[in-house]
Amino acid sequence: MHTVRHELDLGAEKNLSAVYGRLDTALKAMEDVLGIKASMRGSKVFLHGDSEAVSSAEKFIREFYSANTDGFNISPEDIRYALQNFTRAGRKKQFSGDGSSQLKELFSYNIPVPSKKKFIVPRSETQKKYIEAIKKYDMVIGIGPAGTGKTYLAMAMAINALLKKQVSRIILARPAVEAGESLGFLPGTLYEKVNPYLRPLYDALFDMMEAEKVNRLIDRGIIEIAPLAFMRGRTLNDSFIILDEAQNTTSEQMKMYLTRLGFNSKTVITGDTTQIDLPPGKTSGLKEIEQLLKGIKQLCFVYFSEKDVVRHKLVQEIIKAYEKFEKSRKNKQ
């Protein structure tokens, strides 16, 4: 390994102060992902480490600066993903120096939303394909494990479509009870019965929009969050409809849902076929449509894997620790 020290002077760059704080965050991420030492004093950046990694870091810094000044609001998590995206199997991969910014290309998939985040950015190749599919098709089925962004990205696309007036309302549906929406035995009003099952949809909404605005849109019926049973007998025109936790729909419920789609509407169906909570003898509607609808060209299936799981770095480390512990315990048995 050839170790080098390199000094990068950004003194000639305009608007450096506007990105200074985020650049400092980027340097910390570079140290972790690329295995180099990085620091900044004034307008100068100091890089120390493997020559290939240092070269990659320099090109990344220039692209990062350009992407920031072009209006992208890049979070620490986005920086980490961007760096990891350009390394393969732990090896440092050089950024292209041909003038076409890879960071700009990455963030061209951003989804504008009316929150302090400003943009929701995909963090895996599958997430990028998912966004493209939602743009292209009126029906997209996203299948994969929890934490892969299936519902979150669909929600962002729905909010963006509403802002652009491409649809007039958003409808979010979920099986209210995993075993088939048997709510009668639960205490309280209907709202009190179903609200816990719909809470994750509210959480995603509040993460992308101000709570006051969300509540206003819900009051006006522009955003509707309801158990799947409420879809029966309706034709949903000019709407962006999301069905979450679709693995827990029965065959009959899924058929009912699929036939609700009206004119100028989109639907995204999400679920994890490995986490089916239906009682024995009940067929999962999501698993069934994998076979029934696979030949229809006007819709798209997108499959996520464990590689697409996006979690806080600390959570990733905790998961690794548990995996190591479980493996050690099994070896002792």
C-alpha atoms as a PDB file:
ATOM      1  CA  MET A   1       0.000   0.000   0.000  1.00  0.00           C
ATOM      2  CA  HIS A   2       1.429   3.361  -1.064  1.00  0.00           C
ATOM      3  CA  THR A   3       0.700   6.042   1.551  1.00  0.00           C
ATOM      4  CA  VAL A   4       0.565   9.703   0.537  1.00  0.00           C
ATOM      5  CA  ARG A   5      -0.201  13.090   2.056  1.00  0.00           C
ATOM      6  CA  HIS A   6      -2.177  15.513  -0.045  1.00  0.00           C
ATOM      7  CA  GLU A   7      -3.267  19.098   0.437  1.00  0.00           C
ATOM      8  CA  LEU A   8      -6.361  20.335  -1.390  1.00  0.00           C
ATOM      9  CA  ASP A   9      -6.888  24.108  -1.500  1.00  0.00           C
ATOM     10  CA  LEU A  10     -10.513  25.185  -1.955  1.00  0.00           C
ATOM     11  CA  GLY A  11      -9.650  28.857  -1.557  1.00  0.00           C
ATOM     12  CA  ALA A  12     -10.629  29.669  -5.126  1.00  0.00           C
ATOM     13  CA  GLU A  13     -14.024  27.985  -4.774  1.00  0.00           C
ATOM     14  CA  LYS A  14     -17.036  30.243  -4.423  1.00  0.00           C
ATOM     15  CA  ASN A  15     -19.586  29.931  -1.622  1.00  0.00           C
ATOM     16  CA  LEU A  16     -17.301  27.662   0.413  1.00  0.00           C
ATOM     17  CA  SER A  17     -18.855  28.895   3.673  1.00  0.00           C
ATOM     18  CA  ALA A  18     -22.281  27.637   2.552  1.00  0.00           C
ATOM     19  CA  VAL A  19     -21.088  24.019   2.559  1.00  0.00           C
ATOM     20  CA  TYR A  20     -18.345  24.184   5.209  1.00  0.00           C
ATOM     21  CA  GLY A  21     -20.294  22.363   7.919  1.00  0.00           C
ATOM     22  CA  ARG A  22     -21.485  19.581   5.623  1.00  0.00           C
ATOM     23  CA  LEU A  23     -17.987  19.235   4.169  1.00  0.00           C
ATOM     24  CA  ASP A  24     -16.657  18.620   7.680  1.00  0.00           C
ATOM     25  CA  THR A  25     -19.266  15.856   8.043  1.00  0.00           C
ATOM     26  CA  ALA A  26     -18.173  14.442   4.680  1.00  0.00           C
ATOM     27  CA  LEU A  27     -14.554  14.282   5.847  1.00  0.00           C
ATOM     28  CA  LYS A  28     -15.555  12.240   8.907  1.00  0.00           C
ATOM     29  CA  ALA A  29     -17.464   9.824   6.660  1.00  0.00           C
ATOM     30  CA  MET A  30     -14.450   9.539   4.349  1.00  0.00           C
ATOM     31  CA  GLU A  31     -12.232   8.553   7.255  1.00  0.00           C
ATOM     32  CA  ASP A  32     -14.620   5.749   8.139  1.00  0.00           C
ATOM     33  CA  VAL A  33     -15.446   4.470   4.640  1.00  0.00           C
ATOM     34  CA  LEU A  34     -12.178   5.068   2.776  1.00  0.00           C
ATOM     35  CA  GLY A  35      -9.821   4.428   5.701  1.00  0.00           C
ATOM     36  CA  ILE A  36      -7.935   7.724   5.423  1.00  0.00           C
ATOM     37  CA  LYS A  37      -7.169  10.653   7.719  1.00  0.00           C
ATOM     38  CA  ALA A  38      -8.904  13.882   6.720  1.00  0.00           C
ATOM     39  CA  SER A  39      -8.983  17.343   8.271  1.00  0.00           C
ATOM     40  CA  MET A  40      -9.765  20.917   7.284  1.00  0.00           C
ATOM     41  CA  ARG A  41      -8.248  24.250   8.249  1.00  0.00           C
ATOM     42  CA  GLY A  42      -9.598  27.366   6.626  1.00  0.00           C
ATOM     43  CA  SER A  43     -10.003  26.659   2.923  1.00  0.00           C
ATOM     44  CA  LYS A  44      -7.510  23.775   2.909  1.00  0.00           C
ATOM     45  CA  VAL A  45      -8.287  20.076   3.194  1.00  0.00           C
ATOM     46  CA  PHE A  46      -5.540  17.661   4.302  1.00  0.00           C
ATOM     47  CA  LEU A  47      -5.744  14.007   3.251  1.00  0.00           C
ATOM     48  CA  HIS A  48      -3.465  11.182   4.404  1.00  0.00           C
ATOM     49  CA  GLY A  49      -3.694   7.510   3.478  1.00  0.00           C
ATOM     50  CA  ASP A  50      -3.603   5.019   0.637  1.00  0.00           C
ATOM     51  CA  SER A  51      -2.893   6.876  -2.624  1.00  0.00           C
ATOM     52  CA  GLU A  52      -5.922   5.455  -4.433  1.00  0.00           C
ATOM     53  CA  ALA A  53      -8.240   6.278  -1.520  1.00  0.00           C
ATOM     54  CA  VAL A  54      -6.818   9.798  -1.240  1.00  0.00           C
ATOM     55  CA  SER A  55      -7.323  10.348  -4.975  1.00  0.00           C
ATOM     56  CA  SER A  56     -10.931   9.137  -4.652  1.00  0.00           C
ATOM     57  CA  ALA A  57     -11.464  11.418  -1.647  1.00  0.00           C
ATOM     58  CA  GLU A  58     -10.182  14.474  -3.541  1.00  0.00           C
ATOM     59  CA  LYS A  59     -12.526  13.863  -6.458  1.00  0.00           C
ATOM     60  CA  PHE A  60     -15.392  13.176  -4.078  1.00  0.00           C
ATOM     61  CA  ILE A  61     -14.802  16.492  -2.267  1.00  0.00           C
ATOM     62  CA  ARG A  62     -14.967  18.460  -5.515  1.00  0.00           C
ATOM     63  CA  GLU A  63     -18.124  16.652  -6.626  1.00  0.00           C
ATOM     64  CA  PHE A  64     -19.639  17.052  -3.171  1.00  0.00           C
ATOM     65  CA  TYR A  65     -19.000  20.793  -3.263  1.00  0.00           C
ATOM     66  CA  SER A  66     -20.544  21.056  -6.736  1.00  0.00           C
ATOM     67  CA  ALA A  67     -23.620  19.016  -5.744  1.00  0.00           C
ATOM     68  CA  ASN A  68     -24.152  21.175  -2.649  1.00  0.00           C
ATOM     69  CA  THR A  69     -23.903  24.446  -4.552  1.00  0.00           C
ATOM     70  CA  ASP A  70     -26.316  23.110  -7.152  1.00  0.00           C
ATOM     71  CA  GLY A  71     -29.079  23.018  -4.547  1.00  0.00           C
ATOM     72  CA  PHE A  72     -28.888  19.480  -3.182  1.00  0.00           C
ATOM     73  CA  ASN A  73     -29.260  19.277   0.601  1.00  0.00           C
ATOM     74  CA  ILE A  74     -27.023  16.297   1.347  1.00  0.00           C
ATOM     75  CA  SER A  75     -27.377  14.620   4.743  1.00  0.00           C
ATOM     76  CA  PRO A  76     -24.634  12.665   6.575  1.00  0.00           C
ATOM     77  CA  GLU A  77     -26.450   9.427   5.704  1.00  0.00           C
ATOM     78  CA  ASP A  78     -26.519  10.426   2.012  1.00  0.00           C
ATOM     79  CA  ILE A  79     -22.770  11.115   2.138  1.00  0.00           C
ATOM     80  CA  ARG A  80     -22.073   7.707   3.664  1.00  0.00           C
ATOM     81  CA  TYR A  81     -24.206   5.937   1.067  1.00  0.00           C
ATOM     82  CA  ALA A  82     -22.562   7.875  -1.785  1.00  0.00           C
ATOM     83  CA  LEU A  83     -19.112   6.854  -0.563  1.00  0.00           C
ATOM     84  CA  GLN A  84     -20.095   3.224  -0.061  1.00  0.00           C
ATOM     85  CA  ASN A  85     -21.773   3.193  -3.457  1.00  0.00           C
ATOM     86  CA  PHE A  86     -18.420   3.819  -5.084  1.00  0.00           C
ATOM     87  CA  THR A  87     -16.510   1.112  -3.241  1.00  0.00           C
ATOM     88  CA  ARG A  88     -16.900  -2.533  -4.079  1.00  0.00           C
ATOM     89  CA  ALA A  89     -16.144  -5.475  -1.767  1.00  0.00           C
ATOM     90  CA  GLY A  90     -14.203  -3.188   0.576  1.00  0.00           C
ATOM     91  CA  ARG A  91     -11.839  -2.003  -2.206  1.00  0.00           C
ATOM     92  CA  LYS A  92     -11.497   1.724  -2.880  1.00  0.00           C
ATOM     93  CA  LYS A  93     -12.788   2.667  -6.296  1.00  0.00           C
ATOM     94  CA  GLN A  94     -11.716   5.853  -8.036  1.00  0.00           C
ATOM     95  CA  PHE A  95     -14.314   8.426  -8.969  1.00  0.00           C
ATOM     96  CA  SER A  96     -14.447   9.258 -12.653  1.00  0.00           C
ATOM     97  CA  GLY A  97     -12.706  12.474 -13.522  1.00  0.00           C
ATOM     98  CA  ASP A  98     -14.498  13.072 -16.802  1.00  0.00           C
ATOM     99  CA  GLY A  99     -16.445  16.099 -15.552  1.00  0.00           C
ATOM    100  CA  SER A 100     -19.776  14.311 -15.279  1.00  0.00           C
ATOM    101  CA  SER A 101     -20.482  14.326 -11.564  1.00  0.00           C
ATOM    102  CA  GLN A 102     -21.392  10.924 -10.184  1.00  0.00           C
ATOM    103  CA  LEU A 103     -22.832  12.604  -7.113  1.00  0.00           C
ATOM    104  CA  LYS A 104     -25.112  14.730  -9.292  1.00  0.00           C
ATOM    105  CA  GLU A 105     -26.206  11.603 -11.111  1.00  0.00           C
ATOM    106  CA  LEU A 106     -26.908   9.883  -7.799  1.00  0.00           C
ATOM    107  CA  PHE A 107     -28.944  12.798  -6.467  1.00  0.00           C
ATOM    108  CA  SER A 108     -30.826  13.229  -9.746  1.00  0.00           C
ATOM    109  CA  TYR A 109     -33.132  10.560  -8.300  1.00  0.00           C
ATOM    110  CA  ASN A 110     -34.063  12.808  -5.368  1.00  0.00           C
ATOM    111  CA  ILE A 111     -37.740  13.287  -4.525  1.00  0.00           C
ATOM    112  CA  PRO A 112     -38.613  16.854  -3.438  1.00  0.00           C
ATOM    113  CA  VAL A 113     -40.851  16.974  -0.346  1.00  0.00           C
ATOM    114  CA  PRO A 114     -42.096  19.956   1.728  1.00  0.00           C
ATOM    115  CA  SER A 115     -40.020  19.347   4.843  1.00  0.00           C
ATOM    116  CA  LYS A 116     -36.685  20.362   6.307  1.00  0.00           C
ATOM    117  CA  LYS A 117     -35.221  17.372   4.460  1.00  0.00           C
ATOM    118  CA  LYS A 118     -36.097  19.058   1.128  1.00  0.00           C
ATOM    119  CA  PHE A 119     -35.234  15.863  -0.741  1.00  0.00           C
ATOM    120  CA  ILE A 120     -35.677  12.153  -0.129  1.00  0.00           C
ATOM    121  CA  VAL A 121     -32.705  10.405  -1.750  1.00  0.00           C
ATOM    122  CA  PRO A 122     -32.498   6.700  -2.702  1.00  0.00           C
ATOM    123  CA  ARG A 123     -29.619   4.839  -1.062  1.00  0.00           C
ATOM    124  CA  SER A 124     -29.350   1.677  -3.127  1.00  0.00           C
ATOM    125  CA  GLU A 125     -29.564   0.646  -6.757  1.00  0.00           C
ATOM    126  CA  THR A 126     -32.844  -1.152  -6.083  1.00  0.00           C
ATOM    127  CA  GLN A 127     -34.312   1.990  -4.518  1.00  0.00           C
ATOM    128  CA  LYS A 128     -33.350   3.941  -7.660  1.00  0.00           C
ATOM    129  CA  LYS A 129     -35.033   1.297  -9.849  1.00  0.00           C
ATOM    130  CA  TYR A 130     -38.094   1.480  -7.593  1.00  0.00           C
ATOM    131  CA  ILE A 131     -38.398   5.241  -8.062  1.00  0.00           C
ATOM    132  CA  GLU A 132     -38.041   4.888 -11.825  1.00  0.00           C
ATOM    133  CA  ALA A 133     -40.702   2.162 -11.844  1.00  0.00           C
ATOM    134  CA  ILE A 134     -43.165   4.334  -9.898  1.00  0.00           C
ATOM    135  CA  LYS A 135     -42.621   7.149 -12.398  1.00  0.00           C
ATOM    136  CA  LYS A 136     -43.191   4.829 -15.365  1.00  0.00           C
ATOM    137  CA  TYR A 137     -45.932   2.417 -14.266  1.00  0.00           C
ATOM    138  CA  ASP A 138     -49.418   2.912 -12.825  1.00  0.00           C
ATOM    139  CA  MET A 139     -49.002  -0.168 -10.633  1.00  0.00           C
ATOM    140  CA  VAL A 140     -45.785  -1.133  -8.833  1.00  0.00           C
ATOM    141  CA  ILE A 141     -45.399  -4.004  -6.380  1.00  0.00           C
ATOM    142  CA  GLY A 142     -42.415  -3.669  -4.014  1.00  0.00           C
ATOM    143  CA  ILE A 143     -41.477  -6.881  -2.205  1.00  0.00           C
ATOM    144  CA  GLY A 144     -38.710  -7.284   0.358  1.00  0.00           C
ATOM    145  CA  PRO A 145     -37.682  -7.102   4.020  1.00  0.00           C
ATOM    146  CA  ALA A 146     -38.476  -4.305   6.449  1.00  0.00           C
ATOM    147  CA  GLY A 147     -36.203  -1.287   6.417  1.00  0.00           C
ATOM    148  CA  THR A 148     -35.631  -1.234   2.655  1.00  0.00           C
ATOM    149  CA  GLY A 149     -37.649   1.938   2.075  1.00  0.00           C
ATOM    150  CA  LYS A 150     -40.541   0.373   0.168  1.00  0.00           C
ATOM    151  CA  THR A 151     -43.302   2.342   1.880  1.00  0.00           C
ATOM    152  CA  TYR A 152     -41.211   5.405   2.706  1.00  0.00           C
ATOM    153  CA  LEU A 153     -40.166   6.051  -0.895  1.00  0.00           C
ATOM    154  CA  ALA A 154     -43.687   5.351  -2.155  1.00  0.00           C
ATOM    155  CA  MET A 155     -44.968   7.917   0.340  1.00  0.00           C
ATOM    156  CA  ALA A 156     -42.420  10.466  -0.888  1.00  0.00           C
ATOM    157  CA  MET A 157     -43.484   9.865  -4.496  1.00  0.00           C
ATOM    158  CA  ALA A 158     -47.147  10.250  -3.515  1.00  0.00           C
ATOM    159  CA  ILE A 159     -46.522  13.563  -1.735  1.00  0.00           C
ATOM    160  CA  ASN A 160     -44.473  14.825  -4.684  1.00  0.00           C
ATOM    161  CA  ALA A 161     -47.257  13.862  -7.107  1.00  0.00           C
ATOM    162  CA  LEU A 162     -49.764  15.758  -4.954  1.00  0.00           C
ATOM    163  CA  LEU A 163     -47.518  18.849  -4.838  1.00  0.00           C
ATOM    164  CA  LYS A 164     -47.176  18.774  -8.628  1.00  0.00           C
ATOM    165  CA  LYS A 165     -50.966  18.383  -8.934  1.00  0.00           C
ATOM    166  CA  GLN A 166     -50.527  15.114 -10.818  1.00  0.00           C
ATOM    167  CA  VAL A 167     -53.156  13.625  -8.481  1.00  0.00           C
ATOM    168  CA  SER A 168     -55.811  15.242  -6.311  1.00  0.00           C
ATOM    169  CA  ARG A 169     -55.501  12.969  -3.264  1.00  0.00           C
ATOM    170  CA  ILE A 170     -53.404  10.354  -1.503  1.00  0.00           C
ATOM    171  CA  ILE A 171     -54.949   7.209  -0.053  1.00  0.00           C
ATOM    172  CA  LEU A 172     -52.946   5.032   2.326  1.00  0.00           C
ATOM    173  CA  ALA A 173     -54.319   1.611   3.191  1.00  0.00           C
ATOM    174  CA  ARG A 174     -53.171  -1.195   5.429  1.00  0.00           C
ATOM    175  CA  PRO A 175     -54.678  -4.425   6.758  1.00  0.00           C
ATOM    176  CA  ALA A 176     -55.927  -3.248  10.157  1.00  0.00           C
ATOM    177  CA  VAL A 177     -55.320  -6.533  11.943  1.00  0.00           C
ATOM    178  CA  GLU A 178     -52.827  -9.075  10.665  1.00  0.00           C
ATOM    179  CA  ALA A 179     -55.275 -11.954  10.970  1.00  0.00           C
ATOM    180  CA  GLY A 180     -57.911 -10.344   8.750  1.00  0.00           C
ATOM    181  CA  GLU A 181     -59.232  -7.081  10.222  1.00  0.00           C
ATOM    182  CA  SER A 182     -61.353  -8.602  13.007  1.00  0.00           C
ATOM    183  CA  LEU A 183     -61.773  -5.398  14.981  1.00  0.00           C
ATOM    184  CA  GLY A 184     -64.972  -6.099  16.873  1.00  0.00           C
ATOM    185  CA  PHE A 185     -63.357  -7.576  19.970  1.00  0.00           C
ATOM    186  CA  LEU A 186     -61.095  -4.559  20.500  1.00  0.00           C
ATOM    187  CA  PRO A 187     -62.251  -1.869  22.950  1.00  0.00           C
ATOM    188  CA  GLY A 188     -62.844   1.774  21.947  1.00  0.00           C
ATOM    189  CA  THR A 189     -64.129   3.658  18.917  1.00  0.00           C
ATOM    190  CA  LEU A 190     -63.320   2.578  15.365  1.00  0.00           C
ATOM    191  CA  TYR A 191     -60.544   5.203  15.230  1.00  0.00           C
ATOM    192  CA  GLU A 192     -59.042   3.914  18.479  1.00  0.00           C
ATOM    193  CA  LYS A 193     -59.200   0.355  17.162  1.00  0.00           C
ATOM    194  CA  VAL A 194     -57.460   0.912  13.841  1.00  0.00           C
ATOM    195  CA  ASN A 195     -55.099   3.785  14.675  1.00  0.00           C
ATOM    196  CA  PRO A 196     -52.261   1.626  16.125  1.00  0.00           C
ATOM    197  CA  TYR A 197     -52.111  -0.387  12.901  1.00  0.00           C
ATOM    198  CA  LEU A 198     -51.972   2.763  10.743  1.00  0.00           C
ATOM    199  CA  ARG A 199     -49.453   4.609  12.929  1.00  0.00           C
ATOM    200  CA  PRO A 200     -46.394   3.772  10.743  1.00  0.00           C
ATOM    201  CA  LEU A 201     -48.076   5.550   7.814  1.00  0.00           C
ATOM    202  CA  TYR A 202     -48.600   8.669   9.937  1.00  0.00           C
ATOM    203  CA  ASP A 203     -44.958   8.528  11.049  1.00  0.00           C
ATOM    204  CA  ALA A 204     -43.736   8.537   7.440  1.00  0.00           C
ATOM    205  CA  LEU A 205     -46.061  11.430   6.560  1.00  0.00           C
ATOM    206  CA  PHE A 206     -44.920  13.554   9.503  1.00  0.00           C
ATOM    207  CA  ASP A 207     -41.312  12.923   8.510  1.00  0.00           C
ATOM    208  CA  MET A 208     -41.922  14.517   5.101  1.00  0.00           C
ATOM    209  CA  MET A 209     -44.475  17.228   5.851  1.00  0.00           C
ATOM    210  CA  GLU A 210     -45.241  19.607   8.705  1.00  0.00           C
ATOM    211  CA  ALA A 211     -47.706  18.005  11.129  1.00  0.00           C
ATOM    212  CA  GLU A 212     -50.095  20.944  10.853  1.00  0.00           C
ATOM    213  CA  LYS A 213     -50.215  20.633   7.071  1.00  0.00           C
ATOM    214  CA  VAL A 214     -50.729  16.864   7.261  1.00  0.00           C
ATOM    215  CA  ASN A 215     -53.643  17.316   9.653  1.00  0.00           C
ATOM    216  CA  ARG A 216     -55.231  19.961   7.406  1.00  0.00           C
ATOM    217  CA  LEU A 217     -54.983  17.701   4.369  1.00  0.00           C
ATOM    218  CA  ILE A 218     -56.448  14.785   6.331  1.00  0.00           C
ATOM    219  CA  ASP A 219     -59.323  16.963   7.562  1.00  0.00           C
ATOM    220  CA  ARG A 220     -60.071  18.012   3.971  1.00  0.00           C
ATOM    221  CA  GLY A 221     -59.958  14.409   2.730  1.00  0.00           C
ATOM    222  CA  ILE A 222     -56.978  15.086   0.458  1.00  0.00           C
ATOM    223  CA  ILE A 223     -54.957  12.553   2.434  1.00  0.00           C
ATOM    224  CA  GLU A 224     -56.855   9.504   3.650  1.00  0.00           C
ATOM    225  CA  ILE A 225     -55.391   6.841   5.929  1.00  0.00           C
ATOM    226  CA  ALA A 226     -57.694   3.872   6.356  1.00  0.00           C
ATOM    227  CA  PRO A 227     -57.837   0.126   6.921  1.00  0.00           C
ATOM    228  CA  LEU A 228     -58.075  -1.917   3.747  1.00  0.00           C
ATOM    229  CA  ALA A 229     -61.713  -2.831   4.379  1.00  0.00           C
ATOM    230  CA  PHE A 230     -62.659   0.827   3.727  1.00  0.00           C
ATOM    231  CA  MET A 231     -61.682   0.400   0.050  1.00  0.00           C
ATOM    232  CA  ARG A 232     -64.586  -1.943  -0.691  1.00  0.00           C
ATOM    233  CA  GLY A 233     -67.131  -0.651  -3.217  1.00  0.00           C
ATOM    234  CA  ARG A 234     -65.078   2.411  -4.212  1.00  0.00           C
ATOM    235  CA  THR A 235     -63.535   3.481  -7.512  1.00  0.00           C
ATOM    236  CA  LEU A 236     -60.477   5.620  -6.878  1.00  0.00           C
ATOM    237  CA  ASN A 237     -59.845   8.167  -9.643  1.00  0.00           C
ATOM    238  CA  ASP A 238     -57.113  10.829  -9.757  1.00  0.00           C
ATOM    239  CA  SER A 239     -55.413   9.272  -6.720  1.00  0.00           C
ATOM    240  CA  PHE A 240     -52.062   7.947  -5.539  1.00  0.00           C
ATOM    241  CA  ILE A 241     -52.869   4.844  -3.499  1.00  0.00           C
ATOM    242  CA  ILE A 242     -50.434   2.899  -1.314  1.00  0.00           C
ATOM    243  CA  LEU A 243     -51.227  -0.519   0.137  1.00  0.00           C
ATOM    244  CA  ASP A 244     -48.768  -1.318   2.916  1.00  0.00           C
ATOM    245  CA  GLU A 245     -48.138  -4.705   4.600  1.00  0.00           C
ATOM    246  CA  ALA A 246     -49.823  -6.378   1.630  1.00  0.00           C
ATOM    247  CA  GLN A 247     -48.522  -9.821   2.618  1.00  0.00           C
ATOM    248  CA  ASN A 248     -51.279  -9.852   5.228  1.00  0.00           C
ATOM    249  CA  THR A 249     -54.113  -9.416   2.744  1.00  0.00           C
ATOM    250  CA  THR A 250     -56.153 -12.465   1.831  1.00  0.00           C
ATOM    251  CA  SER A 251     -56.699 -13.461  -1.780  1.00  0.00           C
ATOM    252  CA  GLU A 252     -60.182 -11.915  -1.691  1.00  0.00           C
ATOM    253  CA  GLN A 253     -58.959  -8.654  -0.161  1.00  0.00           C
ATOM    254  CA  MET A 254     -56.200  -8.278  -2.747  1.00  0.00           C
ATOM    255  CA  LYS A 255     -58.608  -8.833  -5.643  1.00  0.00           C
ATOM    256  CA  MET A 256     -60.944  -6.246  -4.138  1.00  0.00           C
ATOM    257  CA  TYR A 257     -58.096  -3.756  -3.788  1.00  0.00           C
ATOM    258  CA  LEU A 258     -56.689  -4.248  -7.293  1.00  0.00           C
ATOM    259  CA  THR A 259     -60.062  -3.572  -8.865  1.00  0.00           C
ATOM    260  CA  ARG A 260     -60.435  -0.198  -7.071  1.00  0.00           C
ATOM    261  CA  LEU A 261     -57.926   1.548  -9.379  1.00  0.00           C
ATOM    262  CA  GLY A 262     -59.583   4.280 -11.425  1.00  0.00           C
ATOM    263  CA  PHE A 263     -58.561   6.739 -14.138  1.00  0.00           C
ATOM    264  CA  ASN A 264     -55.421   8.878 -13.700  1.00  0.00           C
ATOM    265  CA  SER A 265     -54.412   6.896 -10.622  1.00  0.00           C
ATOM    266  CA  LYS A 266     -51.280   5.139  -9.457  1.00  0.00           C
ATOM    267  CA  THR A 267     -50.921   2.434  -6.862  1.00  0.00           C
ATOM    268  CA  VAL A 268     -47.888   1.053  -5.045  1.00  0.00           C
ATOM    269  CA  ILE A 269     -48.276  -2.231  -3.173  1.00  0.00           C
ATOM    270  CA  THR A 270     -45.628  -3.108  -0.592  1.00  0.00           C
ATOM    271  CA  GLY A 271     -44.967  -6.133   1.574  1.00  0.00           C
ATOM    272  CA  ASP A 272     -42.621  -8.828   2.810  1.00  0.00           C
ATOM    273  CA  THR A 273     -43.612 -12.356   1.781  1.00  0.00           C
ATOM    274  CA  THR A 274     -41.434 -13.838   4.548  1.00  0.00           C
ATOM    275  CA  GLN A 275     -43.496 -12.126   7.283  1.00  0.00           C
ATOM    276  CA  ILE A 276     -47.041 -13.407   6.680  1.00  0.00           C
ATOM    277  CA  ASP A 277     -49.272 -13.336   9.773  1.00  0.00           C
ATOM    278  CA  LEU A 278     -52.442 -14.789   8.241  1.00  0.00           C
ATOM    279  CA  PRO A 279     -54.034 -17.797   9.975  1.00  0.00           C
ATOM    280  CA  PRO A 280     -53.343 -21.295   8.606  1.00  0.00           C
ATOM    281  CA  GLY A 281     -55.238 -22.056   5.420  1.00  0.00           C
ATOM    282  CA  LYS A 282     -55.381 -18.426   4.269  1.00  0.00           C
ATOM    283  CA  THR A 283     -53.500 -17.552   1.081  1.00  0.00           C
ATOM    284  CA  SER A 284     -51.516 -14.332   1.051  1.00  0.00           C
ATOM    285  CA  GLY A 285     -52.862 -12.019  -1.633  1.00  0.00           C
ATOM    286  CA  LEU A 286     -49.360 -10.654  -2.219  1.00  0.00           C
ATOM    287  CA  LYS A 287     -47.854 -14.084  -2.854  1.00  0.00           C
ATOM    288  CA  GLU A 288     -50.755 -14.972  -5.128  1.00  0.00           C
ATOM    289  CA  ILE A 289     -50.370 -11.923  -7.401  1.00  0.00           C
ATOM    290  CA  GLU A 290     -46.677 -12.736  -7.885  1.00  0.00           C
ATOM    291  CA  GLN A 291     -47.914 -15.605 -10.039  1.00  0.00           C
ATOM    292  CA  LEU A 292     -51.180 -14.130 -11.347  1.00  0.00           C
ATOM    293  CA  LEU A 293     -49.853 -10.788 -12.566  1.00  0.00           C
ATOM    294  CA  LYS A 294     -46.273 -11.537 -13.600  1.00  0.00           C
ATOM    295  CA  GLY A 295     -47.198 -11.633 -17.303  1.00  0.00           C
ATOM    296  CA  ILE A 296     -48.837  -8.191 -17.382  1.00  0.00           C
ATOM    297  CA  LYS A 297     -46.433  -5.673 -18.949  1.00  0.00           C
ATOM    298  CA  GLN A 298     -48.268  -2.558 -17.714  1.00  0.00           C
ATOM    299  CA  LEU A 299     -47.173  -3.154 -14.118  1.00  0.00           C
ATOM    300  CA  CYS A 300     -43.835  -3.754 -12.446  1.00  0.00           C
ATOM    301  CA  PHE A 301     -42.493  -5.931  -9.633  1.00  0.00           C
ATOM    302  CA  VAL A 302     -39.449  -4.618  -7.750  1.00  0.00           C
ATOM    303  CA  TYR A 303     -37.651  -6.974  -5.375  1.00  0.00           C
ATOM    304  CA  PHE A 304     -35.578  -5.709  -2.438  1.00  0.00           C
ATOM    305  CA  SER A 305     -33.021  -7.716  -0.482  1.00  0.00           C
ATOM    306  CA  GLU A 306     -31.140  -7.412   2.817  1.00  0.00           C
ATOM    307  CA  LYS A 307     -28.511  -5.367   0.931  1.00  0.00           C
ATOM    308  CA  ASP A 308     -31.090  -2.596   0.517  1.00  0.00           C
ATOM    309  CA  VAL A 309     -31.821  -2.249   4.248  1.00  0.00           C
ATOM    310  CA  VAL A 310     -31.077   1.341   5.276  1.00  0.00           C
ATOM    311  CA  ARG A 311     -30.451   1.778   8.984  1.00  0.00           C
ATOM    312  CA  HIS A 312     -28.643   4.129  11.317  1.00  0.00           C
ATOM    313  CA  LYS A 313     -24.974   3.162  11.572  1.00  0.00           C
ATOM    314  CA  LEU A 314     -25.371   2.399  15.290  1.00  0.00           C
ATOM    315  CA  VAL A 315     -28.235   0.021  14.528  1.00  0.00           C
ATOM    316  CA  GLN A 316     -26.079  -1.738  11.934  1.00  0.00           C
ATOM    317  CA  GLU A 317     -23.365  -2.238  14.556  1.00  0.00           C
ATOM    318  CA  ILE A 318     -25.909  -3.535  17.098  1.00  0.00           C
ATOM    319  CA  ILE A 319     -27.231  -6.038  14.552  1.00  0.00           C
ATOM    320  CA  LYS A 320     -23.681  -7.233  13.825  1.00  0.00           C
ATOM    321  CA  ALA A 321     -23.061  -7.651  17.560  1.00  0.00           C
ATOM    322  CA  TYR A 322     -26.229  -9.749  17.957  1.00  0.00           C
ATOM    323  CA  GLU A 323     -25.299 -11.873  14.927  1.00  0.00           C
ATOM    324  CA  LYS A 324     -21.831 -12.479  16.354  1.00  0.00           C
ATOM    325  CA  PHE A 325     -23.310 -13.352  19.749  1.00  0.00           C
ATOM    326  CA  GLU A 326     -25.839 -15.798  18.264  1.00  0.00           C
ATOM    327  CA  LYS A 327     -23.150 -17.461  16.160  1.00  0.00           C
ATOM    328  CA  SER A 328     -20.889 -17.836  19.202  1.00  0.00           C
ATOM    329  CA  ARG A 329     -23.715 -19.310  21.286  1.00  0.00           C
ATOM    330  CA  LYS A 330     -24.561 -21.862  18.572  1.00  0.00           C
ATOM    331  CA  ASN A 331     -20.909 -22.922  18.299  1.00  0.00           C
ATOM    332  CA  LYS A 332     -20.812 -23.599  22.056  1.00  0.00           C
ATOM    333  CA  GLN A 333     -23.901 -25.824  21.961  1.00  0.00           C
END
